Amino acid sequence: ALDPKNFVRIHRSHIVKVEEINEIQQYEKESYIVILKDKTKLKVSKSGYKNLRNVLEF
Protein backbone atom coordinates (compact mmCIF):
# COMPACT_ATOMS: atom_id res chain seq x y z
CA ALA A 1 0.00 0.00 0.00
CA LEU A 2 1.08 3.56 -0.65
CA ASP A 3 1.74 5.81 2.35
CA PRO A 4 -1.02 8.48 2.38
CA LYS A 5 1.49 11.02 3.76
CA ASN A 6 3.65 10.61 0.65
CA PHE A 7 1.09 9.97 -2.11
CA VAL A 8 -2.19 11.66 -2.99
CA ARG A 9 -4.94 10.78 -5.47
CA ILE A 10 -5.65 13.91 -7.50
CA HIS A 11 -7.91 12.24 -10.06
CA ARG A 12 -9.27 8.76 -10.58
CA SER A 13 -6.50 8.34 -13.17
CA HIS A 14 -3.65 9.93 -11.20
CA ILE A 15 -1.89 9.27 -7.93
CA VAL A 16 1.16 11.47 -7.39
CA LYS A 17 4.06 11.50 -5.00
CA VAL A 18 3.68 14.64 -2.88
CA GLU A 19 7.37 15.57 -3.10
CA GLU A 20 7.16 15.58 -6.93
CA ILE A 21 4.53 18.35 -6.96
CA ASN A 22 6.09 21.62 -8.06
CA GLU A 23 3.01 23.82 -8.41
CA ILE A 24 -0.78 23.86 -8.31
CA GLN A 25 -2.47 26.24 -10.74
CA GLN A 26 -6.06 27.24 -11.29
CA TYR A 27 -6.98 25.97 -14.75
CA GLU A 28 -10.54 27.18 -15.22
CA LYS A 29 -13.15 28.67 -12.93
CA GLU A 30 -13.30 25.71 -10.55
CA SER A 31 -10.63 23.34 -11.78
CA TYR A 32 -6.93 22.97 -11.14
CA ILE A 33 -3.84 21.35 -12.57
CA VAL A 34 -0.79 20.02 -10.79
CA ILE A 35 2.58 20.67 -12.38
CA LEU A 36 5.19 18.13 -11.38
CA LYS A 37 8.92 18.78 -11.08
CA ASP A 38 9.46 17.18 -14.51
CA LYS A 39 6.95 19.72 -15.98
CA THR A 40 4.18 17.11 -16.45
CA LYS A 41 0.73 18.71 -16.13
CA LEU A 42 -2.11 16.68 -14.63
CA LYS A 43 -5.75 17.66 -14.17
CA VAL A 44 -7.09 17.60 -10.64
CA SER A 45 -10.66 16.47 -9.91
CA LYS A 46 -12.82 18.27 -7.35
CA SER A 47 -12.34 15.47 -4.83
CA GLY A 48 -8.65 15.34 -5.76
CA TYR A 49 -8.33 19.02 -4.89
CA LYS A 50 -9.86 18.30 -1.47
CA ASN A 51 -7.34 15.47 -1.04
CA LEU A 52 -4.49 17.84 -1.95
CA ARG A 53 -5.70 20.43 0.53
CA ASN A 54 -5.84 17.80 3.29
CA VAL A 55 -2.40 16.37 2.56
CA LEU A 56 -0.67 19.72 1.98
CA GLU A 57 -2.68 21.44 4.74
CA PHE A 58 -3.68 24.63 2.91
PDB file of N, CA and C in Angstrom:
ATOM      1  N   ALA A   1       0.841  -1.193   0.000  1.00  0.00           N
ATOM      2  CA  ALA A   1       0.000   0.000   0.000  1.00  0.00           C
ATOM      3  C   ALA A   1       0.877   1.245   0.000  1.00  0.00           C
ATOM      4  N   LEU A   2       0.355   2.296  -0.600  1.00  0.00           N
ATOM      5  CA  LEU A   2       1.083   3.562  -0.649  1.00  0.00           C
ATOM      6  C   LEU A   2       0.814   4.362   0.620  1.00  0.00           C
ATOM      7  N   ASP A   3       1.853   4.993   1.143  1.00  0.00           N
ATOM      8  CA  ASP A   3       1.736   5.805   2.350  1.00  0.00           C
ATOM      9  C   ASP A   3       0.944   7.076   2.033  1.00  0.00           C
ATOM     10  N   PRO A   4      -0.206   7.300   2.686  1.00  0.00           N
ATOM     11  CA  PRO A   4      -1.024   8.481   2.385  1.00  0.00           C
ATOM     12  C   PRO A   4      -0.348   9.808   2.722  1.00  0.00           C
ATOM     13  N   LYS A   5       0.742   9.782   3.487  1.00  0.00           N
ATOM     14  CA  LYS A   5       1.491  11.015   3.756  1.00  0.00           C
ATOM     15  C   LYS A   5       2.381  11.377   2.573  1.00  0.00           C
ATOM     16  N   ASN A   6       2.729  10.382   1.759  1.00  0.00           N
ATOM     17  CA  ASN A   6       3.651  10.607   0.647  1.00  0.00           C
ATOM     18  C   ASN A   6       2.989  10.614  -0.725  1.00  0.00           C
ATOM     19  N   PHE A   7       1.790  10.058  -0.830  1.00  0.00           N
ATOM     20  CA  PHE A   7       1.089   9.969  -2.109  1.00  0.00           C
ATOM     21  C   PHE A   7      -0.328  10.500  -1.960  1.00  0.00           C
ATOM     22  N   VAL A   8      -0.827  11.122  -3.022  1.00  0.00           N
ATOM     23  CA  VAL A   8      -2.190  11.661  -2.986  1.00  0.00           C
ATOM     24  C   VAL A   8      -2.875  11.383  -4.323  1.00  0.00           C
ATOM     25  N   ARG A   9      -4.140  10.981  -4.250  1.00  0.00           N
ATOM     26  CA  ARG A   9      -4.936  10.782  -5.465  1.00  0.00           C
ATOM     27  C   ARG A   9      -5.516  12.138  -5.835  1.00  0.00           C
ATOM     28  N   ILE A  10      -5.146  12.622  -7.035  1.00  0.00           N
ATOM     29  CA  ILE A  10      -5.651  13.912  -7.495  1.00  0.00           C
ATOM     30  C   ILE A  10      -6.759  13.756  -8.535  1.00  0.00           C
ATOM     31  N   HIS A  11      -6.922  12.531  -9.021  1.00  0.00           N
ATOM     32  CA  HIS A  11      -7.912  12.239 -10.064  1.00  0.00           C
ATOM     33  C   HIS A  11      -8.052  10.725 -10.073  1.00  0.00           C
ATOM     34  N   ARG A  12      -9.144  10.223 -10.583  1.00  0.00           N
ATOM     35  CA  ARG A  12      -9.272   8.757 -10.582  1.00  0.00           C
ATOM     36  C   ARG A  12      -8.188   8.101 -11.434  1.00  0.00           C
ATOM     37  N   SER A  13      -7.570   8.861 -12.321  1.00  0.00           N
ATOM     38  CA  SER A  13      -6.498   8.335 -13.175  1.00  0.00           C
ATOM     39  C   SER A  13      -5.096   8.645 -12.669  1.00  0.00           C
ATOM     40  N   HIS A  14      -4.981   9.471 -11.619  1.00  0.00           N
ATOM     41  CA  HIS A  14      -3.655   9.935 -11.201  1.00  0.00           C
ATOM     42  C   HIS A  14      -3.455   9.871  -9.689  1.00  0.00           C
ATOM     43  N   ILE A  15      -2.388   9.213  -9.300  1.00  0.00           N
ATOM     44  CA  ILE A  15      -1.890   9.269  -7.927  1.00  0.00           C
ATOM     45  C   ILE A  15      -0.481   9.824  -8.046  1.00  0.00           C
ATOM     46  N   VAL A  16      -0.166  10.863  -7.279  1.00  0.00           N
ATOM     47  CA  VAL A  16       1.158  11.474  -7.394  1.00  0.00           C
ATOM     48  C   VAL A  16       1.895  11.445  -6.059  1.00  0.00           C
ATOM     49  N   LYS A  17       3.206  11.410  -6.170  1.00  0.00           N
ATOM     50  CA  LYS A  17       4.063  11.498  -4.998  1.00  0.00           C
ATOM     51  C   LYS A  17       4.125  12.967  -4.591  1.00  0.00           C
ATOM     52  N   VAL A  18       3.792  13.259  -3.351  1.00  0.00           N
ATOM     53  CA  VAL A  18       3.681  14.639  -2.881  1.00  0.00           C
ATOM     54  C   VAL A  18       4.958  15.425  -3.148  1.00  0.00           C
ATOM     55  N   GLU A  19       6.112  14.834  -2.928  1.00  0.00           N
ATOM     56  CA  GLU A  19       7.368  15.575  -3.100  1.00  0.00           C
ATOM     57  C   GLU A  19       7.677  15.894  -4.564  1.00  0.00           C
ATOM     58  N   GLU A  20       6.956  15.286  -5.501  1.00  0.00           N
ATOM     59  CA  GLU A  20       7.159  15.575  -6.925  1.00  0.00           C
ATOM     60  C   GLU A  20       6.300  16.739  -7.417  1.00  0.00           C
ATOM     61  N   ILE A  21       5.391  17.225  -6.570  1.00  0.00           N
ATOM     62  CA  ILE A  21       4.532  18.349  -6.957  1.00  0.00           C
ATOM     63  C   ILE A  21       5.345  19.632  -6.883  1.00  0.00           C
ATOM     64  N   ASN A  22       5.378  20.351  -8.001  1.00  0.00           N
ATOM     65  CA  ASN A  22       6.093  21.622  -8.061  1.00  0.00           C
ATOM     66  C   ASN A  22       5.140  22.796  -7.860  1.00  0.00           C
ATOM     67  N   GLU A  23       3.927  22.675  -8.410  1.00  0.00           N
ATOM     68  CA  GLU A  23       3.014  23.816  -8.415  1.00  0.00           C
ATOM     69  C   GLU A  23       1.581  23.331  -8.612  1.00  0.00           C
ATOM     70  N   ILE A  24       0.638  24.088  -8.072  1.00  0.00           N
ATOM     71  CA  ILE A  24      -0.782  23.858  -8.313  1.00  0.00           C
ATOM     72  C   ILE A  24      -1.323  25.149  -8.909  1.00  0.00           C
ATOM     73  N   GLN A  25      -1.949  25.055 -10.071  1.00  0.00           N
ATOM     74  CA  GLN A  25      -2.473  26.243 -10.745  1.00  0.00           C
ATOM     75  C   GLN A  25      -3.964  26.100 -10.983  1.00  0.00           C
ATOM     76  N   GLN A  26      -4.656  27.239 -10.900  1.00  0.00           N
ATOM     77  CA  GLN A  26      -6.064  27.239 -11.289  1.00  0.00           C
ATOM     78  C   GLN A  26      -6.099  27.153 -12.804  1.00  0.00           C
ATOM     79  N   TYR A  27      -6.926  26.255 -13.317  1.00  0.00           N
ATOM     80  CA  TYR A  27      -6.978  25.975 -14.748  1.00  0.00           C
ATOM     81  C   TYR A  27      -8.175  26.657 -15.389  1.00  0.00           C
ATOM     82  N   GLU A  28      -9.310  26.520 -14.788  1.00  0.00           N
ATOM     83  CA  GLU A  28     -10.535  27.178 -15.218  1.00  0.00           C
ATOM     84  C   GLU A  28     -11.214  27.684 -13.961  1.00  0.00           C
ATOM     85  N   LYS A  29     -12.465  28.077 -14.078  1.00  0.00           N
ATOM     86  CA  LYS A  29     -13.151  28.674 -12.932  1.00  0.00           C
ATOM     87  C   LYS A  29     -13.031  27.837 -11.657  1.00  0.00           C
ATOM     88  N   GLU A  30     -13.350  26.560 -11.748  1.00  0.00           N
ATOM     89  CA  GLU A  30     -13.302  25.711 -10.552  1.00  0.00           C
ATOM     90  C   GLU A  30     -12.484  24.455 -10.762  1.00  0.00           C
ATOM     91  N   SER A  31     -11.473  24.522 -11.597  1.00  0.00           N
ATOM     92  CA  SER A  31     -10.627  23.342 -11.779  1.00  0.00           C
ATOM     93  C   SER A  31      -9.155  23.735 -11.697  1.00  0.00           C
ATOM     94  N   TYR A  32      -8.352  22.743 -11.397  1.00  0.00           N
ATOM     95  CA  TYR A  32      -6.933  22.968 -11.137  1.00  0.00           C
ATOM     96  C   TYR A  32      -6.094  21.950 -11.887  1.00  0.00           C
ATOM     97  N   ILE A  33      -4.823  22.295 -12.061  1.00  0.00           N
ATOM     98  CA  ILE A  33      -3.840  21.347 -12.572  1.00  0.00           C
ATOM     99  C   ILE A  33      -2.662  21.326 -11.611  1.00  0.00           C
ATOM    100  N   VAL A  34      -2.026  20.180 -11.543  1.00  0.00           N
ATOM    101  CA  VAL A  34      -0.791  20.017 -10.786  1.00  0.00           C
ATOM    102  C   VAL A  34       0.334  19.972 -11.808  1.00  0.00           C
ATOM    103  N   ILE A  35       1.387  20.725 -11.543  1.00  0.00           N
ATOM    104  CA  ILE A  35       2.575  20.672 -12.382  1.00  0.00           C
ATOM    105  C   ILE A  35       3.664  19.994 -11.557  1.00  0.00           C
ATOM    106  N   LEU A  36       4.163  18.889 -12.084  1.00  0.00           N
ATOM    107  CA  LEU A  36       5.194  18.129 -11.383  1.00  0.00           C
ATOM    108  C   LEU A  36       6.571  18.725 -11.658  1.00  0.00           C
ATOM    109  N   LYS A  37       7.555  18.280 -10.915  1.00  0.00           N
ATOM    110  CA  LYS A  37       8.925  18.783 -11.081  1.00  0.00           C
ATOM    111  C   LYS A  37       9.477  18.522 -12.472  1.00  0.00           C
ATOM    112  N   ASP A  38       8.990  17.467 -13.144  1.00  0.00           N
ATOM    113  CA  ASP A  38       9.458  17.176 -14.510  1.00  0.00           C
ATOM    114  C   ASP A  38       8.618  17.902 -15.564  1.00  0.00           C
ATOM    115  N   LYS A  39       7.794  18.866 -15.122  1.00  0.00           N
ATOM    116  CA  LYS A  39       6.952  19.721 -15.980  1.00  0.00           C
ATOM    117  C   LYS A  39       5.692  19.032 -16.498  1.00  0.00           C
ATOM    118  N   THR A  40       5.417  17.798 -16.072  1.00  0.00           N
ATOM    119  CA  THR A  40       4.181  17.114 -16.449  1.00  0.00           C
ATOM    120  C   THR A  40       2.998  17.848 -15.827  1.00  0.00           C
ATOM    121  N   LYS A  41       1.944  18.058 -16.615  1.00  0.00           N
ATOM    122  CA  LYS A  41       0.733  18.715 -16.126  1.00  0.00           C
ATOM    123  C   LYS A  41      -0.384  17.681 -16.028  1.00  0.00           C
ATOM    124  N   LEU A  42      -1.038  17.639 -14.866  1.00  0.00           N
ATOM    125  CA  LEU A  42      -2.114  16.683 -14.628  1.00  0.00           C
ATOM    126  C   LEU A  42      -3.343  17.416 -14.114  1.00  0.00           C
ATOM    127  N   LYS A  43      -4.507  17.068 -14.659  1.00  0.00           N
ATOM    128  CA  LYS A  43      -5.754  17.660 -14.172  1.00  0.00           C
ATOM    129  C   LYS A  43      -6.080  17.114 -12.788  1.00  0.00           C
ATOM    130  N   VAL A  44      -6.691  17.960 -11.990  1.00  0.00           N
ATOM    131  CA  VAL A  44      -7.091  17.603 -10.635  1.00  0.00           C
ATOM    132  C   VAL A  44      -8.618  17.607 -10.576  1.00  0.00           C
ATOM    133  N   SER A  45      -9.201  16.524 -10.072  1.00  0.00           N
ATOM    134  CA  SER A  45     -10.659  16.472  -9.908  1.00  0.00           C
ATOM    135  C   SER A  45     -11.059  17.288  -8.677  1.00  0.00           C
ATOM    136  N   LYS A  46     -12.350  17.524  -8.523  1.00  0.00           N
ATOM    137  CA  LYS A  46     -12.820  18.268  -7.347  1.00  0.00           C
ATOM    138  C   LYS A  46     -12.468  17.536  -6.060  1.00  0.00           C
ATOM    139  N   SER A  47     -12.694  16.227  -6.039  1.00  0.00           N
ATOM    140  CA  SER A  47     -12.341  15.465  -4.833  1.00  0.00           C
ATOM    141  C   SER A  47     -10.825  15.373  -4.682  1.00  0.00           C
ATOM    142  N   GLY A  48     -10.114  15.347  -5.805  1.00  0.00           N
ATOM    143  CA  GLY A  48      -8.651  15.343  -5.761  1.00  0.00           C
ATOM    144  C   GLY A  48      -8.100  16.618  -5.162  1.00  0.00           C
ATOM    145  N   TYR A  49      -8.764  17.737  -5.458  1.00  0.00           N
ATOM    146  CA  TYR A  49      -8.333  19.016  -4.886  1.00  0.00           C
ATOM    147  C   TYR A  49      -8.528  19.007  -3.371  1.00  0.00           C
ATOM    148  N   LYS A  50      -9.637  18.430  -2.915  1.00  0.00           N
ATOM    149  CA  LYS A  50      -9.861  18.298  -1.468  1.00  0.00           C
ATOM    150  C   LYS A  50      -8.772  17.427  -0.848  1.00  0.00           C
ATOM    151  N   ASN A  51      -8.413  16.335  -1.533  1.00  0.00           N
ATOM    152  CA  ASN A  51      -7.340  15.467  -1.041  1.00  0.00           C
ATOM    153  C   ASN A  51      -6.027  16.234  -0.937  1.00  0.00           C
ATOM    154  N   LEU A  52      -5.715  17.031  -1.966  1.00  0.00           N
ATOM    155  CA  LEU A  52      -4.491  17.842  -1.951  1.00  0.00           C
ATOM    156  C   LEU A  52      -4.486  18.798  -0.768  1.00  0.00           C
ATOM    157  N   ARG A  53      -5.609  19.468  -0.578  1.00  0.00           N
ATOM    158  CA  ARG A  53      -5.700  20.431   0.534  1.00  0.00           C
ATOM    159  C   ARG A  53      -5.468  19.732   1.874  1.00  0.00           C
ATOM    160  N   ASN A  54      -6.013  18.539   2.033  1.00  0.00           N
ATOM    161  CA  ASN A  54      -5.836  17.804   3.288  1.00  0.00           C
ATOM    162  C   ASN A  54      -4.392  17.372   3.495  1.00  0.00           C
ATOM    163  N   VAL A  55      -3.771  16.864   2.446  1.00  0.00           N
ATOM    164  CA  VAL A  55      -2.398  16.369   2.562  1.00  0.00           C
ATOM    165  C   VAL A  55      -1.406  17.521   2.726  1.00  0.00           C
ATOM    166  N   LEU A  56      -1.594  18.588   1.947  1.00  0.00           N
ATOM    167  CA  LEU A  56      -0.665  19.719   1.981  1.00  0.00           C
ATOM    168  C   LEU A  56      -1.040  20.752   3.035  1.00  0.00           C
ATOM    169  N   GLU A  57      -2.203  20.582   3.647  1.00  0.00           N
ATOM    170  CA  GLU A  57      -2.682  21.441   4.737  1.00  0.00           C
ATOM    171  C   GLU A  57      -2.720  22.910   4.353  1.00  0.00           C
ATOM    172  N   PHE A  58      -3.457  23.218   3.271  1.00  0.00           N
ATOM    173  CA  PHE A  58      -3.675  24.631   2.914  1.00  0.00           C
ATOM    174  C   PHE A  58      -5.147  24.906   2.723  1.00  0.00           C
TER     175      PHE A  58
END
